[in-house]
PDB file of N, CA and C in Angstrom:
ATOM      1  N   MET A   1       0.894 -12.303 -37.260  1.00  0.00           N
ATOM      2  CA  MET A   1       0.106 -12.266 -36.055  1.00  0.00           C
ATOM      3  C   MET A   1      -1.242 -11.609 -36.333  1.00  0.00           C
ATOM      4  N   VAL A   2      -2.251 -12.149 -35.767  1.00  0.00           N
ATOM      5  CA  VAL A   2      -3.581 -11.589 -35.896  1.00  0.00           C
ATOM      6  C   VAL A   2      -3.680 -10.376 -34.960  1.00  0.00           C
ATOM      7  N   LYS A   3      -4.600  -9.465 -35.298  1.00  0.00           N
ATOM      8  CA  LYS A   3      -4.721  -8.241 -34.522  1.00  0.00           C
ATOM      9  C   LYS A   3      -5.024  -8.523 -33.041  1.00  0.00           C
ATOM     10  N   ASN A   4      -5.889  -9.504 -32.762  1.00  0.00           N
ATOM     11  CA  ASN A   4      -6.197  -9.848 -31.369  1.00  0.00           C
ATOM     12  C   ASN A   4      -4.968 -10.343 -30.619  1.00  0.00           C
ATOM     13  N   GLU A   5      -4.123 -11.098 -31.288  1.00  0.00           N
ATOM     14  CA  GLU A   5      -2.906 -11.595 -30.647  1.00  0.00           C
ATOM     15  C   GLU A   5      -1.955 -10.453 -30.325  1.00  0.00           C
ATOM     16  N   ILE A   6      -1.889  -9.466 -31.186  1.00  0.00           N
ATOM     17  CA  ILE A   6      -1.036  -8.303 -30.940  1.00  0.00           C
ATOM     18  C   ILE A   6      -1.534  -7.543 -29.712  1.00  0.00           C
ATOM     19  N   TRP A   7      -2.871  -7.337 -29.639  1.00  0.00           N
ATOM     20  CA  TRP A   7      -3.441  -6.644 -28.487  1.00  0.00           C
ATOM     21  C   TRP A   7      -3.221  -7.443 -27.205  1.00  0.00           C
ATOM     22  N   LYS A   8      -3.390  -8.756 -27.291  1.00  0.00           N
ATOM     23  CA  LYS A   8      -3.197  -9.607 -26.109  1.00  0.00           C
ATOM     24  C   LYS A   8      -1.749  -9.535 -25.639  1.00  0.00           C
ATOM     25  N   ARG A   9      -0.829  -9.626 -26.567  1.00  0.00           N
ATOM     26  CA  ARG A   9       0.600  -9.566 -26.232  1.00  0.00           C
ATOM     27  C   ARG A   9       0.960  -8.201 -25.636  1.00  0.00           C
ATOM     28  N   SER A  10       0.402  -7.133 -26.196  1.00  0.00           N
ATOM     29  CA  SER A  10       0.663  -5.788 -25.673  1.00  0.00           C
ATOM     30  C   SER A  10       0.115  -5.633 -24.262  1.00  0.00           C
ATOM     31  N   PHE A  11      -1.081  -6.163 -24.032  1.00  0.00           N
ATOM     32  CA  PHE A  11      -1.680  -6.092 -22.701  1.00  0.00           C
ATOM     33  C   PHE A  11      -0.862  -6.893 -21.691  1.00  0.00           C
ATOM     34  N   GLU A  12      -0.370  -8.053 -22.096  1.00  0.00           N
ATOM     35  CA  GLU A  12       0.482  -8.849 -21.219  1.00  0.00           C
ATOM     36  C   GLU A  12       1.775  -8.104 -20.906  1.00  0.00           C
ATOM     37  N   ASP A  13       2.370  -7.481 -21.927  1.00  0.00           N
ATOM     38  CA  ASP A  13       3.591  -6.706 -21.709  1.00  0.00           C
ATOM     39  C   ASP A  13       3.348  -5.557 -20.736  1.00  0.00           C
ATOM     40  N   ALA A  14       2.222  -4.882 -20.891  1.00  0.00           N
ATOM     41  CA  ALA A  14       1.889  -3.767 -19.996  1.00  0.00           C
ATOM     42  C   ALA A  14       1.725  -4.259 -18.563  1.00  0.00           C
ATOM     43  N   ARG A  15       1.063  -5.403 -18.387  1.00  0.00           N
ATOM     44  CA  ARG A  15       0.902  -5.961 -17.040  1.00  0.00           C
ATOM     45  C   ARG A  15       2.258  -6.309 -16.431  1.00  0.00           C
ATOM     46  N   LEU A  16       3.132  -6.911 -17.217  1.00  0.00           N
ATOM     47  CA  LEU A  16       4.452  -7.268 -16.699  1.00  0.00           C
ATOM     48  C   LEU A  16       5.240  -6.019 -16.296  1.00  0.00           C
ATOM     49  N   ILE A  17       5.114  -4.950 -17.060  1.00  0.00           N
ATOM     50  CA  ILE A  17       5.802  -3.698 -16.717  1.00  0.00           C
ATOM     51  C   ILE A  17       5.246  -3.124 -15.416  1.00  0.00           C
ATOM     52  N   VAL A  18       3.929  -3.139 -15.265  1.00  0.00           N
ATOM     53  CA  VAL A  18       3.319  -2.643 -14.027  1.00  0.00           C
ATOM     54  C   VAL A  18       3.791  -3.478 -12.836  1.00  0.00           C
ATOM     55  N   TYR A  19       3.869  -4.782 -13.003  1.00  0.00           N
ATOM     56  CA  TYR A  19       4.345  -5.651 -11.927  1.00  0.00           C
ATOM     57  C   TYR A  19       5.796  -5.329 -11.572  1.00  0.00           C
ATOM     58  N   LEU A  20       6.614  -5.097 -12.582  1.00  0.00           N
ATOM     59  CA  LEU A  20       8.014  -4.769 -12.345  1.00  0.00           C
ATOM     60  C   LEU A  20       8.149  -3.445 -11.592  1.00  0.00           C
ATOM     61  N   VAL A  21       7.375  -2.454 -11.989  1.00  0.00           N
ATOM     62  CA  VAL A  21       7.406  -1.156 -11.295  1.00  0.00           C
ATOM     63  C   VAL A  21       6.939  -1.320  -9.853  1.00  0.00           C
ATOM     64  N   PHE A  22       5.893  -2.106  -9.648  1.00  0.00           N
ATOM     65  CA  PHE A  22       5.387  -2.372  -8.298  1.00  0.00           C
ATOM     66  C   PHE A  22       6.471  -3.019  -7.437  1.00  0.00           C
ATOM     67  N   ALA A  23       7.147  -4.014  -7.973  1.00  0.00           N
ATOM     68  CA  ALA A  23       8.193  -4.719  -7.229  1.00  0.00           C
ATOM     69  C   ALA A  23       9.380  -3.796  -6.945  1.00  0.00           C
ATOM     70  N   ALA A  24       9.775  -2.987  -7.926  1.00  0.00           N
ATOM     71  CA  ALA A  24      10.896  -2.063  -7.732  1.00  0.00           C
ATOM     72  C   ALA A  24      10.550  -1.018  -6.668  1.00  0.00           C
ATOM     73  N   ASN A  25       9.321  -0.533  -6.691  1.00  0.00           N
ATOM     74  CA  ASN A  25       8.889   0.445  -5.696  1.00  0.00           C
ATOM     75  C   ASN A  25       8.899  -0.157  -4.296  1.00  0.00           C
ATOM     76  N   LEU A  26       8.408  -1.374  -4.175  1.00  0.00           N
ATOM     77  CA  LEU A  26       8.409  -2.055  -2.882  1.00  0.00           C
ATOM     78  C   LEU A  26       9.838  -2.278  -2.388  1.00  0.00           C
ATOM     79  N   PHE A  27      10.713  -2.722  -3.282  1.00  0.00           N
ATOM     80  CA  PHE A  27      12.112  -2.955  -2.918  1.00  0.00           C
ATOM     81  C   PHE A  27      12.758  -1.662  -2.448  1.00  0.00           C
ATOM     82  N   PHE A  28      12.513  -0.572  -3.184  1.00  0.00           N
ATOM     83  CA  PHE A  28      13.082   0.723  -2.806  1.00  0.00           C
ATOM     84  C   PHE A  28      12.548   1.185  -1.456  1.00  0.00           C
ATOM     85  N   ALA A  29      11.245   1.067  -1.258  1.00  0.00           N
ATOM     86  CA  ALA A  29      10.624   1.552  -0.026  1.00  0.00           C
ATOM     87  C   ALA A  29      11.100   0.772   1.194  1.00  0.00           C
ATOM     88  N   VAL A  30      11.325  -0.517   1.030  1.00  0.00           N
ATOM     89  CA  VAL A  30      11.692  -1.341   2.184  1.00  0.00           C
ATOM     90  C   VAL A  30      13.195  -1.331   2.445  1.00  0.00           C
ATOM     91  N   PHE A  31      14.009  -1.409   1.391  1.00  0.00           N
ATOM     92  CA  PHE A  31      15.439  -1.610   1.595  1.00  0.00           C
ATOM     93  C   PHE A  31      16.314  -0.388   1.321  1.00  0.00           C
ATOM     94  N   LEU A  32      15.962   0.444   0.363  1.00  0.00           N
ATOM     95  CA  LEU A  32      16.873   1.494  -0.077  1.00  0.00           C
ATOM     96  C   LEU A  32      16.421   2.910   0.254  1.00  0.00           C
ATOM     97  N   SER A  33      15.290   3.062   0.874  1.00  0.00           N
ATOM     98  CA  SER A  33      14.757   4.396   1.141  1.00  0.00           C
ATOM     99  C   SER A  33      15.713   5.177   2.039  1.00  0.00           C
ATOM    100  N   PRO A  34      16.181   6.340   1.564  1.00  0.00           N
ATOM    101  CA  PRO A  34      17.142   7.108   2.356  1.00  0.00           C
ATOM    102  C   PRO A  34      16.491   7.880   3.503  1.00  0.00           C
ATOM    103  N   PHE A  35      15.165   7.964   3.506  1.00  0.00           N
ATOM    104  CA  PHE A  35      14.494   8.699   4.581  1.00  0.00           C
ATOM    105  C   PHE A  35      13.759   7.725   5.482  1.00  0.00           C
ATOM    106  N   PRO A  36      13.651   8.081   6.748  1.00  0.00           N
ATOM    107  CA  PRO A  36      12.894   7.210   7.653  1.00  0.00           C
ATOM    108  C   PRO A  36      11.404   7.257   7.316  1.00  0.00           C
ATOM    109  N   THR A  37      10.731   6.185   7.594  1.00  0.00           N
ATOM    110  CA  THR A  37       9.294   6.167   7.335  1.00  0.00           C
ATOM    111  C   THR A  37       8.593   6.776   8.527  1.00  0.00           C
ATOM    112  N   VAL A  38       8.121   7.970   8.337  1.00  0.00           N
ATOM    113  CA  VAL A  38       7.419   8.674   9.401  1.00  0.00           C
ATOM    114  C   VAL A  38       5.991   8.896   8.924  1.00  0.00           C
ATOM    115  N   CYS A  39       5.064   8.464   9.721  1.00  0.00           N
ATOM    116  CA  CYS A  39       3.653   8.613   9.368  1.00  0.00           C
ATOM    117  C   CYS A  39       3.140   9.925   9.943  1.00  0.00           C
ATOM    118  N   ASP A  40       2.607  10.777   9.091  1.00  0.00           N
ATOM    119  CA  ASP A  40       2.046  12.050   9.549  1.00  0.00           C
ATOM    120  C   ASP A  40       0.662  11.870  10.164  1.00  0.00           C
ATOM    121  N   PHE A  41       0.089  10.692  10.007  1.00  0.00           N
ATOM    122  CA  PHE A  41      -1.259  10.440  10.502  1.00  0.00           C
ATOM    123  C   PHE A  41      -1.241   9.496  11.701  1.00  0.00           C
ATOM    124  N   SER A  42      -0.214   9.573  12.528  1.00  0.00           N
ATOM    125  CA  SER A  42      -0.092   8.612  13.625  1.00  0.00           C
ATOM    126  C   SER A  42      -1.221   8.736  14.650  1.00  0.00           C
ATOM    127  N   ASP A  43      -1.887   9.911  14.738  1.00  0.00           N
ATOM    128  CA  ASP A  43      -3.001  10.033  15.679  1.00  0.00           C
ATOM    129  C   ASP A  43      -4.309   9.578  15.056  1.00  0.00           C
ATOM    130  N   ASP A  44      -4.306   9.329  13.768  1.00  0.00           N
ATOM    131  CA  ASP A  44      -5.536   8.951  13.064  1.00  0.00           C
ATOM    132  C   ASP A  44      -5.719   7.440  13.112  1.00  0.00           C
ATOM    133  N   PRO A  45      -6.713   6.947  13.845  1.00  0.00           N
ATOM    134  CA  PRO A  45      -6.913   5.490  13.926  1.00  0.00           C
ATOM    135  C   PRO A  45      -7.459   4.901  12.622  1.00  0.00           C
ATOM    136  N   LEU A  46      -7.866   5.743  11.684  1.00  0.00           N
ATOM    137  CA  LEU A  46      -8.421   5.239  10.432  1.00  0.00           C
ATOM    138  C   LEU A  46      -7.382   5.103   9.325  1.00  0.00           C
ATOM    139  N   CYS A  47      -6.123   5.373   9.637  1.00  0.00           N
ATOM    140  CA  CYS A  47      -5.069   5.250   8.629  1.00  0.00           C
ATOM    141  C   CYS A  47      -4.840   3.766   8.344  1.00  0.00           C
ATOM    142  N   LEU A  48      -5.143   3.361   7.125  1.00  0.00           N
ATOM    143  CA  LEU A  48      -5.049   1.942   6.770  1.00  0.00           C
ATOM    144  C   LEU A  48      -3.617   1.481   6.540  1.00  0.00           C
ATOM    145  N   ALA A  49      -2.714   2.425   6.276  1.00  0.00           N
ATOM    146  CA  ALA A  49      -1.349   2.046   5.942  1.00  0.00           C
ATOM    147  C   ALA A  49      -0.409   2.057   7.146  1.00  0.00           C
ATOM    148  N   CYS A  50      -0.897   2.481   8.301  1.00  0.00           N
ATOM    149  CA  CYS A  50      -0.025   2.532   9.483  1.00  0.00           C
ATOM    150  C   CYS A  50       0.501   1.129   9.810  1.00  0.00           C
ATOM    151  N   GLY A  51       1.810   1.016   9.860  1.00  0.00           N
ATOM    152  CA  GLY A  51       2.439  -0.256  10.169  1.00  0.00           C
ATOM    153  C   GLY A  51       2.672  -1.147   8.957  1.00  0.00           C
ATOM    154  N   MET A  52       2.337  -0.685   7.763  1.00  0.00           N
ATOM    155  CA  MET A  52       2.475  -1.542   6.578  1.00  0.00           C
ATOM    156  C   MET A  52       3.937  -1.784   6.223  1.00  0.00           C
ATOM    157  N   THR A  53       4.796  -0.767   6.352  1.00  0.00           N
ATOM    158  CA  THR A  53       6.222  -0.973   6.057  1.00  0.00           C
ATOM    159  C   THR A  53       6.805  -2.013   6.996  1.00  0.00           C
ATOM    160  N   ARG A  54       6.482  -1.883   8.258  1.00  0.00           N
ATOM    161  CA  ARG A  54       6.960  -2.856   9.239  1.00  0.00           C
ATOM    162  C   ARG A  54       6.379  -4.245   8.951  1.00  0.00           C
ATOM    163  N   ALA A  55       5.123  -4.286   8.549  1.00  0.00           N
ATOM    164  CA  ALA A  55       4.493  -5.569   8.223  1.00  0.00           C
ATOM    165  C   ALA A  55       5.190  -6.235   7.038  1.00  0.00           C
ATOM    166  N   VAL A  56       5.543  -5.453   6.032  1.00  0.00           N
ATOM    167  CA  VAL A  56       6.248  -6.007   4.866  1.00  0.00           C
ATOM    168  C   VAL A  56       7.625  -6.508   5.283  1.00  0.00           C
ATOM    169  N   GLU A  57       8.323  -5.729   6.119  1.00  0.00           N
ATOM    170  CA  GLU A  57       9.635  -6.170   6.600  1.00  0.00           C
ATOM    171  C   GLU A  57       9.513  -7.495   7.357  1.00  0.00           C
ATOM    172  N   LEU A  58       8.525  -7.589   8.236  1.00  0.00           N
ATOM    173  CA  LEU A  58       8.330  -8.828   8.997  1.00  0.00           C
ATOM    174  C   LEU A  58       7.919  -9.984   8.091  1.00  0.00           C
ATOM    175  N   LEU A  59       7.119  -9.687   7.084  1.00  0.00           N
ATOM    176  CA  LEU A  59       6.703 -10.727   6.148  1.00  0.00           C
ATOM    177  C   LEU A  59       7.901 -11.266   5.368  1.00  0.00           C
ATOM    178  N   LEU A  60       8.800 -10.367   4.965  1.00  0.00           N
ATOM    179  CA  LEU A  60      10.005 -10.805   4.245  1.00  0.00           C
ATOM    180  C   LEU A  60      10.945 -11.603   5.147  1.00  0.00           C
ATOM    181  N   GLN A  61      10.816 -11.428   6.457  1.00  0.00           N
ATOM    182  CA  GLN A  61      11.587 -12.220   7.413  1.00  0.00           C
ATOM    183  C   GLN A  61      10.832 -13.484   7.811  1.00  0.00           C
ATOM    184  N   LEU A  62       9.700 -13.733   7.151  1.00  0.00           N
ATOM    185  CA  LEU A  62       8.835 -14.883   7.371  1.00  0.00           C
ATOM    186  C   LEU A  62       8.203 -14.900   8.767  1.00  0.00           C
ATOM    187  N   ASP A  63       8.019 -13.728   9.350  1.00  0.00           N
ATOM    188  CA  ASP A  63       7.318 -13.606  10.628  1.00  0.00           C
ATOM    189  C   ASP A  63       5.877 -13.207  10.323  1.00  0.00           C
ATOM    190  N   PHE A  64       5.054 -14.199   9.961  1.00  0.00           N
ATOM    191  CA  PHE A  64       3.693 -13.939   9.522  1.00  0.00           C
ATOM    192  C   PHE A  64       2.816 -13.379  10.646  1.00  0.00           C
ATOM    193  N   ALA A  65       2.979 -13.904  11.845  1.00  0.00           N
ATOM    194  CA  ALA A  65       2.171 -13.425  12.973  1.00  0.00           C
ATOM    195  C   ALA A  65       2.509 -11.971  13.289  1.00  0.00           C
ATOM    196  N   GLY A  66       3.788 -11.640  13.300  1.00  0.00           N
ATOM    197  CA  GLY A  66       4.200 -10.262  13.565  1.00  0.00           C
ATOM    198  C   GLY A  66       3.723  -9.307  12.489  1.00  0.00           C
ATOM    199  N   ALA A  67       3.748  -9.768  11.244  1.00  0.00           N
ATOM    200  CA  ALA A  67       3.269  -8.932  10.139  1.00  0.00           C
ATOM    201  C   ALA A  67       1.775  -8.681  10.277  1.00  0.00           C
ATOM    202  N   TYR A  68       1.035  -9.695  10.672  1.00  0.00           N
ATOM    203  CA  TYR A  68      -0.413  -9.540  10.834  1.00  0.00           C
ATOM    204  C   TYR A  68      -0.735  -8.601  11.993  1.00  0.00           C
ATOM    205  N   VAL A  69       0.018  -8.705  13.073  1.00  0.00           N
ATOM    206  CA  VAL A  69      -0.204  -7.818  14.219  1.00  0.00           C
ATOM    207  C   VAL A  69       0.136  -6.374  13.837  1.00  0.00           C
ATOM    208  N   SER A  70       1.187  -6.195  13.050  1.00  0.00           N
ATOM    209  CA  SER A  70       1.610  -4.850  12.656  1.00  0.00           C
ATOM    210  C   SER A  70       0.558  -4.153  11.801  1.00  0.00           C
ATOM    211  N   ASN A  71      -0.023  -4.880  10.843  1.00  0.00           N
ATOM    212  CA  ASN A  71      -1.091  -4.322  10.019  1.00  0.00           C
ATOM    213  C   ASN A  71      -1.904  -5.483   9.458  1.00  0.00           C
ATOM    214  N   HIS A  72      -3.187  -5.501   9.770  1.00  0.00           N
ATOM    215  CA  HIS A  72      -4.051  -6.604   9.347  1.00  0.00           C
ATOM    216  C   HIS A  72      -4.254  -6.644   7.831  1.00  0.00           C
ATOM    217  N   PHE A  73      -4.028  -5.532   7.166  1.00  0.00           N
ATOM    218  CA  PHE A  73      -4.222  -5.485   5.717  1.00  0.00           C
ATOM    219  C   PHE A  73      -3.081  -6.146   4.942  1.00  0.00           C
ATOM    220  N   ILE A  74      -2.107  -6.689   5.665  1.00  0.00           N
ATOM    221  CA  ILE A  74      -1.032  -7.421   5.000  1.00  0.00           C
ATOM    222  C   ILE A  74      -1.592  -8.640   4.283  1.00  0.00           C
ATOM    223  N   ILE A  75      -2.720  -9.158   4.760  1.00  0.00           N
ATOM    224  CA  ILE A  75      -3.359 -10.304   4.108  1.00  0.00           C
ATOM    225  C   ILE A  75      -3.769  -9.936   2.684  1.00  0.00           C
ATOM    226  N   ILE A  76      -4.307  -8.741   2.510  1.00  0.00           N
ATOM    227  CA  ILE A  76      -4.703  -8.285   1.174  1.00  0.00           C
ATOM    228  C   ILE A  76      -3.472  -8.162   0.285  1.00  0.00           C
ATOM    229  N   LEU A  77      -2.377  -7.628   0.837  1.00  0.00           N
ATOM    230  CA  LEU A  77      -1.142  -7.503   0.066  1.00  0.00           C
ATOM    231  C   LEU A  77      -0.609  -8.871  -0.342  1.00  0.00           C
ATOM    232  N   VAL A  78      -0.698  -9.842   0.551  1.00  0.00           N
ATOM    233  CA  VAL A  78      -0.235 -11.203   0.243  1.00  0.00           C
ATOM    234  C   VAL A  78      -1.098 -11.813  -0.866  1.00  0.00           C
ATOM    235  N   ILE A  79      -2.411 -11.639  -0.781  1.00  0.00           N
ATOM    236  CA  ILE A  79      -3.312 -12.185  -1.808  1.00  0.00           C
ATOM    237  C   ILE A  79      -3.035 -11.548  -3.165  1.00  0.00           C
ATOM    238  N   VAL A  80      -2.851 -10.226  -3.177  1.00  0.00           N
ATOM    239  CA  VAL A  80      -2.553  -9.529  -4.444  1.00  0.00           C
ATOM    240  C   VAL A  80      -1.213 -10.011  -4.998  1.00  0.00           C
ATOM    241  N   THR A  81      -0.226 -10.177  -4.127  1.00  0.00           N
ATOM    242  CA  THR A  81       1.089 -10.651  -4.580  1.00  0.00           C
ATOM    243  C   THR A  81       0.999 -12.061  -5.161  1.00  0.00           C
ATOM    244  N   ILE A  82       0.228 -12.929  -4.534  1.00  0.00           N
ATOM    245  CA  ILE A  82       0.048 -14.284  -5.068  1.00  0.00           C
ATOM    246  C   ILE A  82      -0.634 -14.239  -6.432  1.00  0.00           C
ATOM    247  N   CYS A  83      -1.653 -13.396  -6.582  1.00  0.00           N
ATOM    248  CA  CYS A  83      -2.331 -13.250  -7.884  1.00  0.00           C
ATOM    249  C   CYS A  83      -1.372 -12.750  -8.954  1.00  0.00           C
ATOM    250  N   ILE A  84      -0.515 -11.797  -8.592  1.00  0.00           N
ATOM    251  CA  ILE A  84       0.468 -11.275  -9.543  1.00  0.00           C
ATOM    252  C   ILE A  84       1.441 -12.378  -9.954  1.00  0.00           C
ATOM    253  N   LEU A  85       1.925 -13.147  -8.981  1.00  0.00           N
ATOM    254  CA  LEU A  85       2.860 -14.231  -9.303  1.00  0.00           C
ATOM    255  C   LEU A  85       2.213 -15.295 -10.187  1.00  0.00           C
ATOM    256  N   VAL A  86       0.960 -15.635  -9.905  1.00  0.00           N
ATOM    257  CA  VAL A  86       0.251 -16.602 -10.746  1.00  0.00           C
ATOM    258  C   VAL A  86       0.092 -16.056 -12.157  1.00  0.00           C
ATOM    259  N   ASP A  87      -0.217 -14.779 -12.290  1.00  0.00           N
ATOM    260  CA  ASP A  87      -0.355 -14.167 -13.614  1.00  0.00           C
ATOM    261  C   ASP A  87       0.971 -14.181 -14.370  1.00  0.00           C
ATOM    262  N   ILE A  88       2.066 -13.881 -13.683  1.00  0.00           N
ATOM    263  CA  ILE A  88       3.384 -13.902 -14.327  1.00  0.00           C
ATOM    264  C   ILE A  88       3.728 -15.312 -14.795  1.00  0.00           C
ATOM    265  N   VAL A  89       3.470 -16.296 -13.945  1.00  0.00           N
ATOM    266  CA  VAL A  89       3.745 -17.687 -14.336  1.00  0.00           C
ATOM    267  C   VAL A  89       2.877 -18.080 -15.522  1.00  0.00           C
ATOM    268  N   HIS A  90       1.613 -17.677 -15.517  1.00  0.00           N
ATOM    269  CA  HIS A  90       0.712 -18.001 -16.619  1.00  0.00           C
ATOM    270  C   HIS A  90       1.185 -17.367 -17.927  1.00  0.00           C
ATOM    271  N   ILE A  91       1.560 -16.104 -17.896  1.00  0.00           N
ATOM    272  CA  ILE A  91       2.053 -15.422 -19.100  1.00  0.00           C
ATOM    273  C   ILE A  91       3.314 -16.110 -19.608  1.00  0.00           C
ATOM    274  N   THR A  92       4.236 -16.415 -18.691  1.00  0.00           N
ATOM    275  CA  THR A  92       5.482 -17.074 -19.090  1.00  0.00           C
ATOM    276  C   THR A  92       5.211 -18.452 -19.686  1.00  0.00           C
ATOM    277  N   TYR A  93       4.322 -19.206 -19.067  1.00  0.00           N
ATOM    278  CA  TYR A  93       3.984 -20.542 -19.567  1.00  0.00           C
ATOM    279  C   TYR A  93       3.363 -20.452 -20.967  1.00  0.00           C
ATOM    280  N   GLN A  94       2.432 -19.538 -21.159  1.00  0.00           N
ATOM    281  CA  GLN A  94       1.777 -19.390 -22.462  1.00  0.00           C
ATOM    282  C   GLN A  94       2.773 -18.997 -23.555  1.00  0.00           C
ATOM    283  N   ARG A  95       3.704 -18.119 -23.204  1.00  0.00           N
ATOM    284  CA  ARG A  95       4.697 -17.682 -24.206  1.00  0.00           C
ATOM    285  C   ARG A  95       5.666 -18.802 -24.541  1.00  0.00           C
ATOM    286  N   ARG A  96       6.041 -19.595 -23.567  1.00  0.00           N
ATOM    287  CA  ARG A  96       6.948 -20.715 -23.863  1.00  0.00           C
ATOM    288  C   ARG A  96       6.239 -21.799 -24.657  1.00  0.00           C
ATOM    289  N   LYS A  97       4.957 -21.989 -24.363  1.00  0.00           N
ATOM    290  CA  LYS A  97       4.177 -23.011 -25.064  1.00  0.00           C
ATOM    291  C   LYS A  97       3.991 -22.634 -26.540  1.00  0.00           C
ATOM    292  N   ASN A  98       3.831 -21.346 -26.817  1.00  0.00           N
ATOM    293  CA  ASN A  98       3.593 -20.881 -28.179  1.00  0.00           C
ATOM    294  C   ASN A  98       4.829 -20.722 -29.020  1.00  0.00           C
ATOM    295  N   LYS A  99       6.010 -20.946 -28.439  1.00  0.00           N
ATOM    296  CA  LYS A  99       7.254 -20.818 -29.226  1.00  0.00           C
ATOM    297  C   LYS A  99       7.387 -21.919 -30.236  1.00  0.00           C
TER     298      LYS A  99
END
């Protein structure tokens, strides 16, 4: 393997690990969290994350309108998730093609 290929493969591996940690954290926060989600900033109208847990729950139930009403920033989360999935598919495709 050429040095550039080693660096590229390492960078791809690092991205896949970050994606896995992100997904595991989301799964834990939504489904397995032993504590209730209580926002300490409920009086702060500038809190960008208020309603995000509920929005993710509604999104996983395919209630897109409810998720958007719960937190408008769910659109950004959906776009980032789509980009991550496209990157994973691209990495997988490239690795299978190079076998």
